[in-house]
Amino acid sequence: MRSVNDVEAYLAKMNRQFDAVDDQPGTFLVHTSSNMPPMALRVDPPLVVMRVHVADAKKEAADDAKLFERLLTINAKSLVHTSFGLEDGKVVLTSALELENLDYNELQATIDEIDMTLAQHIPQLAELSKA
């Protein structure tokens, strides 16, 4: 069975900069590129959950129809390990992996997909969230 120590070792092996969140054991802020938001990674057995706050949704959902359509299109066409969703009025990119049999390659593929998705889609999503 894997543990928070294994996840931390995997992040170090990937040469990822990360910081433990002091008041939340098993939670890390994993830094992506300098101009992208950090990823929150939480080891919460039986899962490892990753989440990135991408944008704020407007109070009126109808105002965000183009943004939501784009998010669903990206989910369907481009994403394997992750997906966009809404949480408390925020657009988030999320993923959850099983901790019990988590391996290095699986975690790396998921984090790489998050990095690639942020790099490819954040500028356009930011514009849609402002519109």
N, C-alpha and C. Protein backbone atom coordinates (compact mmCIF):
# COMPACT_ATOMS: atom_id res chain seq x y z
N MET A 1 0.85 -1.19 0.00
CA MET A 1 0.00 0.00 0.00
C MET A 1 0.88 1.24 0.00
N ARG A 2 0.57 2.15 -0.88
CA ARG A 2 1.31 3.41 -0.97
C ARG A 2 0.88 4.36 0.15
N SER A 3 1.73 5.36 0.39
CA SER A 3 1.44 6.33 1.46
C SER A 3 1.83 7.72 0.99
N VAL A 4 1.60 8.68 1.86
CA VAL A 4 1.99 10.06 1.57
C VAL A 4 3.49 10.15 1.33
N ASN A 5 4.27 9.32 1.99
CA ASN A 5 5.72 9.32 1.78
C ASN A 5 6.09 8.90 0.36
N ASP A 6 5.36 7.94 -0.19
CA ASP A 6 5.61 7.52 -1.58
C ASP A 6 5.31 8.66 -2.55
N VAL A 7 4.18 9.34 -2.33
CA VAL A 7 3.81 10.46 -3.21
C VAL A 7 4.86 11.56 -3.13
N GLU A 8 5.30 11.86 -1.93
CA GLU A 8 6.34 12.89 -1.75
C GLU A 8 7.63 12.47 -2.45
N ALA A 9 7.99 11.20 -2.37
CA ALA A 9 9.19 10.70 -3.04
C ALA A 9 9.04 10.78 -4.57
N TYR A 10 7.84 10.48 -5.07
CA TYR A 10 7.59 10.59 -6.51
C TYR A 10 7.75 12.03 -6.98
N LEU A 11 7.20 12.98 -6.21
CA LEU A 11 7.33 14.40 -6.58
C LEU A 11 8.80 14.82 -6.60
N ALA A 12 9.56 14.36 -5.63
CA ALA A 12 11.00 14.69 -5.58
C ALA A 12 11.72 14.06 -6.77
N LYS A 13 11.36 12.83 -7.11
CA LYS A 13 11.99 12.14 -8.26
C LYS A 13 11.69 12.87 -9.57
N MET A 14 10.53 13.52 -9.65
CA MET A 14 10.15 14.30 -10.83
C MET A 14 10.82 15.67 -10.85
N ASN A 15 11.59 15.98 -9.82
CA ASN A 15 12.20 17.31 -9.66
C ASN A 15 11.15 18.42 -9.61
N ARG A 16 10.03 18.11 -8.99
CA ARG A 16 8.96 19.08 -8.82
C ARG A 16 9.20 19.90 -7.56
N GLN A 17 9.04 21.20 -7.67
CA GLN A 17 9.07 22.04 -6.47
C GLN A 17 7.71 21.94 -5.81
N PHE A 18 7.70 21.64 -4.52
CA PHE A 18 6.44 21.54 -3.80
C PHE A 18 6.67 21.91 -2.35
N ASP A 19 5.60 22.36 -1.72
CA ASP A 19 5.62 22.76 -0.32
C ASP A 19 4.50 22.05 0.40
N ALA A 20 4.79 21.52 1.57
CA ALA A 20 3.74 20.95 2.41
C ALA A 20 2.90 22.07 2.98
N VAL A 21 1.60 21.85 3.06
CA VAL A 21 0.70 22.80 3.69
C VAL A 21 0.68 22.46 5.18
N ASP A 22 1.19 23.38 5.99
CA ASP A 22 1.45 23.11 7.40
C ASP A 22 0.25 22.58 8.18
N ASP A 23 -0.89 23.19 8.00
CA ASP A 23 -2.04 22.84 8.82
C ASP A 23 -2.90 21.72 8.22
N GLN A 24 -2.44 21.13 7.10
CA GLN A 24 -3.20 20.06 6.46
C GLN A 24 -2.26 18.92 6.07
N PRO A 25 -2.06 17.96 6.96
CA PRO A 25 -1.16 16.84 6.67
C PRO A 25 -1.55 16.12 5.38
N GLY A 26 -0.55 15.78 4.58
CA GLY A 26 -0.78 15.08 3.32
C GLY A 26 -1.17 15.99 2.18
N THR A 27 -1.11 17.30 2.39
CA THR A 27 -1.47 18.26 1.35
C THR A 27 -0.24 19.05 0.93
N PHE A 28 -0.06 19.18 -0.38
CA PHE A 28 1.09 19.86 -0.94
C PHE A 28 0.64 20.87 -1.98
N LEU A 29 1.37 21.97 -2.10
CA LEU A 29 1.24 22.87 -3.23
C LEU A 29 2.37 22.53 -4.18
N VAL A 30 2.02 22.08 -5.37
CA VAL A 30 3.01 21.69 -6.37
C VAL A 30 3.09 22.82 -7.38
N HIS A 31 4.27 23.34 -7.56
CA HIS A 31 4.46 24.49 -8.44
C HIS A 31 4.55 24.03 -9.89
N THR A 32 3.85 24.75 -10.73
CA THR A 32 3.91 24.50 -12.17
C THR A 32 4.82 25.58 -12.74
N SER A 33 4.64 25.96 -13.98
CA SER A 33 5.49 27.01 -14.54
C SER A 33 5.22 28.33 -13.82
N SER A 34 6.12 29.26 -13.95
CA SER A 34 6.08 30.50 -13.17
C SER A 34 4.83 31.34 -13.39
N ASN A 35 4.21 31.24 -14.54
CA ASN A 35 3.05 32.09 -14.81
C ASN A 35 1.72 31.34 -14.68
N MET A 36 1.75 30.14 -14.11
CA MET A 36 0.54 29.33 -13.95
C MET A 36 0.26 29.12 -12.47
N PRO A 37 -1.01 28.89 -12.13
CA PRO A 37 -1.35 28.68 -10.72
C PRO A 37 -0.78 27.36 -10.19
N PRO A 38 -0.51 27.29 -8.89
CA PRO A 38 -0.01 26.04 -8.32
C PRO A 38 -1.12 24.99 -8.25
N MET A 39 -0.71 23.76 -8.18
CA MET A 39 -1.64 22.64 -8.06
C MET A 39 -1.67 22.20 -6.61
N ALA A 40 -2.86 22.02 -6.07
CA ALA A 40 -3.00 21.44 -4.74
C ALA A 40 -3.08 19.93 -4.92
N LEU A 41 -2.25 19.21 -4.19
CA LEU A 41 -2.25 17.75 -4.24
C LEU A 41 -2.49 17.27 -2.81
N ARG A 42 -3.52 16.45 -2.65
CA ARG A 42 -3.86 15.94 -1.31
C ARG A 42 -3.89 14.42 -1.33
N VAL A 43 -3.13 13.84 -0.42
CA VAL A 43 -3.18 12.39 -0.22
C VAL A 43 -4.24 12.16 0.84
N ASP A 44 -5.36 11.64 0.40
CA ASP A 44 -6.51 11.42 1.27
C ASP A 44 -7.03 10.00 1.02
N PRO A 45 -6.37 9.01 1.67
CA PRO A 45 -6.69 7.61 1.37
C PRO A 45 -8.20 7.37 1.34
N PRO A 46 -8.64 6.68 0.30
CA PRO A 46 -7.89 5.86 -0.64
C PRO A 46 -7.47 6.59 -1.92
N LEU A 47 -7.50 7.94 -1.92
CA LEU A 47 -7.22 8.69 -3.15
C LEU A 47 -6.07 9.66 -3.01
N VAL A 48 -5.52 10.02 -4.17
CA VAL A 48 -4.64 11.18 -4.31
C VAL A 48 -5.42 12.13 -5.21
N VAL A 49 -5.74 13.30 -4.68
CA VAL A 49 -6.58 14.26 -5.40
C VAL A 49 -5.74 15.47 -5.77
N MET A 50 -5.84 15.88 -7.04
CA MET A 50 -5.13 17.05 -7.54
C MET A 50 -6.15 18.06 -8.04
N ARG A 51 -5.89 19.34 -7.77
CA ARG A 51 -6.85 20.37 -8.14
C ARG A 51 -6.11 21.68 -8.41
N VAL A 52 -6.52 22.36 -9.48
CA VAL A 52 -5.97 23.67 -9.82
C VAL A 52 -7.14 24.62 -10.05
N HIS A 53 -7.12 25.76 -9.37
CA HIS A 53 -8.12 26.81 -9.60
C HIS A 53 -7.72 27.53 -10.88
N VAL A 54 -8.59 27.48 -11.88
CA VAL A 54 -8.28 28.02 -13.20
C VAL A 54 -8.88 29.41 -13.40
N ALA A 55 -10.13 29.59 -12.99
CA ALA A 55 -10.82 30.87 -13.22
C ALA A 55 -12.04 30.93 -12.30
N ASP A 56 -12.61 32.11 -12.19
CA ASP A 56 -13.86 32.26 -11.47
C ASP A 56 -15.00 32.25 -12.48
N ALA A 57 -16.09 31.58 -12.10
CA ALA A 57 -17.30 31.59 -12.93
C ALA A 57 -18.14 32.79 -12.50
N LYS A 58 -18.91 33.28 -13.43
CA LYS A 58 -19.79 34.42 -13.11
C LYS A 58 -20.98 33.93 -12.28
N LYS A 59 -21.61 34.84 -11.59
CA LYS A 59 -22.77 34.48 -10.76
C LYS A 59 -23.92 33.96 -11.61
N GLU A 60 -24.09 34.52 -12.78
CA GLU A 60 -25.15 34.08 -13.69
C GLU A 60 -24.56 33.07 -14.67
N ALA A 61 -24.98 31.83 -14.56
CA ALA A 61 -24.42 30.76 -15.40
C ALA A 61 -24.60 31.05 -16.89
N ALA A 62 -25.69 31.72 -17.25
CA ALA A 62 -25.93 32.02 -18.67
C ALA A 62 -24.82 32.87 -19.25
N ASP A 63 -24.18 33.69 -18.41
CA ASP A 63 -23.09 34.53 -18.88
C ASP A 63 -21.86 33.72 -19.27
N ASP A 64 -21.77 32.52 -18.76
CA ASP A 64 -20.58 31.69 -18.99
C ASP A 64 -20.83 30.56 -19.99
N ALA A 65 -21.87 30.63 -20.79
CA ALA A 65 -22.22 29.54 -21.70
C ALA A 65 -21.06 29.18 -22.63
N LYS A 66 -20.37 30.17 -23.19
CA LYS A 66 -19.26 29.88 -24.09
C LYS A 66 -18.09 29.24 -23.34
N LEU A 67 -17.84 29.72 -22.12
CA LEU A 67 -16.78 29.14 -21.30
C LEU A 67 -17.10 27.68 -20.99
N PHE A 68 -18.35 27.40 -20.56
CA PHE A 68 -18.72 26.03 -20.20
C PHE A 68 -18.67 25.11 -21.42
N GLU A 69 -19.09 25.63 -22.56
CA GLU A 69 -19.03 24.82 -23.79
C GLU A 69 -17.58 24.47 -24.12
N ARG A 70 -16.69 25.43 -23.98
CA ARG A 70 -15.27 25.19 -24.26
C ARG A 70 -14.69 24.17 -23.28
N LEU A 71 -15.04 24.28 -22.00
CA LEU A 71 -14.55 23.33 -20.99
C LEU A 71 -15.01 21.92 -21.30
N LEU A 72 -16.27 21.76 -21.68
CA LEU A 72 -16.78 20.43 -22.01
C LEU A 72 -16.12 19.87 -23.26
N THR A 73 -15.84 20.73 -24.22
CA THR A 73 -15.16 20.28 -25.44
C THR A 73 -13.74 19.82 -25.13
N ILE A 74 -13.03 20.57 -24.30
CA ILE A 74 -11.68 20.16 -23.90
C ILE A 74 -11.74 18.84 -23.15
N ASN A 75 -12.70 18.69 -22.23
CA ASN A 75 -12.84 17.43 -21.49
C ASN A 75 -13.00 16.25 -22.45
N ALA A 76 -13.85 16.43 -23.46
CA ALA A 76 -14.16 15.33 -24.37
C ALA A 76 -13.05 15.02 -25.36
N LYS A 77 -12.34 16.04 -25.81
CA LYS A 77 -11.37 15.84 -26.89
C LYS A 77 -9.92 15.70 -26.44
N SER A 78 -9.57 16.30 -25.31
CA SER A 78 -8.14 16.43 -24.99
C SER A 78 -7.69 15.76 -23.71
N LEU A 79 -8.58 15.55 -22.77
CA LEU A 79 -8.14 15.13 -21.44
C LEU A 79 -8.38 13.65 -21.19
N VAL A 80 -7.39 13.01 -20.59
CA VAL A 80 -7.46 11.59 -20.27
C VAL A 80 -7.52 11.38 -18.76
N HIS A 81 -6.60 11.98 -18.04
CA HIS A 81 -6.47 11.78 -16.60
C HIS A 81 -7.18 12.84 -15.77
N THR A 82 -7.56 13.95 -16.38
CA THR A 82 -8.09 15.10 -15.66
C THR A 82 -9.40 15.55 -16.29
N SER A 83 -10.07 16.50 -15.62
CA SER A 83 -11.25 17.11 -16.21
C SER A 83 -11.49 18.47 -15.57
N PHE A 84 -12.16 19.33 -16.33
CA PHE A 84 -12.58 20.61 -15.80
C PHE A 84 -13.92 20.42 -15.11
N GLY A 85 -14.15 21.23 -14.09
CA GLY A 85 -15.43 21.21 -13.39
C GLY A 85 -15.66 22.53 -12.69
N LEU A 86 -16.80 22.62 -12.02
CA LEU A 86 -17.15 23.81 -11.24
C LEU A 86 -17.22 23.42 -9.78
N GLU A 87 -16.66 24.28 -8.94
CA GLU A 87 -16.73 24.06 -7.50
C GLU A 87 -16.81 25.41 -6.81
N ASP A 88 -17.91 25.65 -6.11
CA ASP A 88 -18.08 26.89 -5.35
C ASP A 88 -17.82 28.13 -6.21
N GLY A 89 -18.35 28.14 -7.43
CA GLY A 89 -18.20 29.30 -8.30
C GLY A 89 -16.84 29.44 -8.94
N LYS A 90 -16.04 28.40 -8.87
CA LYS A 90 -14.71 28.43 -9.47
C LYS A 90 -14.59 27.32 -10.52
N VAL A 91 -13.88 27.62 -11.60
CA VAL A 91 -13.54 26.61 -12.59
C VAL A 91 -12.26 25.95 -12.11
N VAL A 92 -12.30 24.63 -11.98
CA VAL A 92 -11.13 23.88 -11.50
C VAL A 92 -10.79 22.76 -12.47
N LEU A 93 -9.52 22.43 -12.49
CA LEU A 93 -9.02 21.28 -13.23
C LEU A 93 -8.67 20.24 -12.17
N THR A 94 -9.26 19.06 -12.25
CA THR A 94 -9.10 18.07 -11.18
C THR A 94 -8.72 16.70 -11.71
N SER A 95 -8.18 15.91 -10.79
CA SER A 95 -7.90 14.52 -11.06
C SER A 95 -7.87 13.77 -9.74
N ALA A 96 -8.22 12.51 -9.78
CA ALA A 96 -8.14 11.66 -8.59
C ALA A 96 -7.57 10.31 -9.02
N LEU A 97 -6.59 9.85 -8.28
CA LEU A 97 -5.95 8.56 -8.54
C LEU A 97 -6.05 7.69 -7.30
N GLU A 98 -6.09 6.40 -7.48
CA GLU A 98 -6.13 5.47 -6.35
C GLU A 98 -4.75 5.39 -5.72
N LEU A 99 -4.69 5.58 -4.43
CA LEU A 99 -3.42 5.56 -3.70
C LEU A 99 -2.87 4.15 -3.57
N GLU A 100 -3.73 3.17 -3.38
CA GLU A 100 -3.29 1.82 -3.07
C GLU A 100 -2.26 1.26 -4.04
N ASN A 101 -2.48 1.45 -5.33
CA ASN A 101 -1.55 0.92 -6.32
C ASN A 101 -0.96 2.00 -7.21
N LEU A 102 -0.89 3.22 -6.69
CA LEU A 102 -0.33 4.35 -7.44
C LEU A 102 1.12 4.06 -7.80
N ASP A 103 1.47 4.32 -9.05
CA ASP A 103 2.88 4.20 -9.42
C ASP A 103 3.39 5.53 -9.96
N TYR A 104 4.69 5.62 -10.04
CA TYR A 104 5.37 6.85 -10.45
C TYR A 104 4.88 7.33 -11.81
N ASN A 105 4.81 6.42 -12.79
CA ASN A 105 4.42 6.81 -14.15
C ASN A 105 3.01 7.37 -14.22
N GLU A 106 2.11 6.80 -13.45
CA GLU A 106 0.72 7.26 -13.43
C GLU A 106 0.63 8.68 -12.86
N LEU A 107 1.32 8.92 -11.75
CA LEU A 107 1.31 10.26 -11.16
C LEU A 107 1.98 11.27 -12.10
N GLN A 108 3.09 10.88 -12.70
CA GLN A 108 3.78 11.78 -13.61
C GLN A 108 2.92 12.11 -14.83
N ALA A 109 2.24 11.12 -15.39
CA ALA A 109 1.38 11.36 -16.56
C ALA A 109 0.25 12.32 -16.21
N THR A 110 -0.30 12.19 -15.03
CA THR A 110 -1.39 13.07 -14.62
C THR A 110 -0.91 14.49 -14.41
N ILE A 111 0.21 14.64 -13.73
CA ILE A 111 0.76 15.98 -13.50
C ILE A 111 1.20 16.62 -14.82
N ASP A 112 1.79 15.83 -15.70
CA ASP A 112 2.17 16.35 -17.02
C ASP A 112 0.94 16.82 -17.80
N GLU A 113 -0.16 16.08 -17.70
CA GLU A 113 -1.38 16.49 -18.40
C GLU A 113 -1.91 17.80 -17.82
N ILE A 114 -1.83 17.96 -16.52
CA ILE A 114 -2.25 19.21 -15.89
C ILE A 114 -1.38 20.36 -16.41
N ASP A 115 -0.06 20.17 -16.42
CA ASP A 115 0.84 21.20 -16.94
C ASP A 115 0.51 21.57 -18.38
N MET A 116 0.33 20.56 -19.21
CA MET A 116 0.06 20.80 -20.63
C MET A 116 -1.29 21.49 -20.82
N THR A 117 -2.28 21.07 -20.09
CA THR A 117 -3.60 21.68 -20.20
C THR A 117 -3.57 23.14 -19.78
N LEU A 118 -2.88 23.43 -18.69
CA LEU A 118 -2.76 24.82 -18.25
C LEU A 118 -2.06 25.66 -19.32
N ALA A 119 -0.95 25.17 -19.84
CA ALA A 119 -0.19 25.92 -20.84
C ALA A 119 -0.99 26.15 -22.12
N GLN A 120 -1.74 25.14 -22.55
CA GLN A 120 -2.47 25.24 -23.81
C GLN A 120 -3.77 26.03 -23.71
N HIS A 121 -4.44 25.96 -22.57
CA HIS A 121 -5.81 26.45 -22.53
C HIS A 121 -6.08 27.64 -21.60
N ILE A 122 -5.20 27.91 -20.66
CA ILE A 122 -5.45 28.99 -19.71
C ILE A 122 -5.66 30.35 -20.39
N PRO A 123 -4.84 30.75 -21.35
CA PRO A 123 -5.06 32.08 -21.96
C PRO A 123 -6.47 32.22 -22.57
N GLN A 124 -6.90 31.21 -23.31
CA GLN A 124 -8.22 31.28 -23.92
C GLN A 124 -9.33 31.23 -22.86
N LEU A 125 -9.18 30.39 -21.85
CA LEU A 125 -10.19 30.30 -20.80
C LEU A 125 -10.27 31.59 -19.99
N ALA A 126 -9.14 32.22 -19.79
CA ALA A 126 -9.13 33.50 -19.07
C ALA A 126 -9.92 34.54 -19.85
N GLU A 127 -9.73 34.57 -21.16
CA GLU A 127 -10.48 35.52 -21.97
C GLU A 127 -11.97 35.22 -21.93
N LEU A 128 -12.34 33.95 -22.00
CA LEU A 128 -13.76 33.59 -21.95
C LEU A 128 -14.37 33.91 -20.59
N SER A 129 -13.61 33.76 -19.54
CA SER A 129 -14.16 34.04 -18.21
C SER A 129 -14.33 35.54 -17.98
N LYS A 130 -13.57 36.36 -18.70
CA LYS A 130 -13.72 37.82 -18.61
C LYS A 130 -14.88 38.33 -19.45
N ALA A 131 -15.12 37.65 -20.56
CA ALA A 131 -16.14 38.12 -21.53
C ALA A 131 -17.53 38.16 -20.94
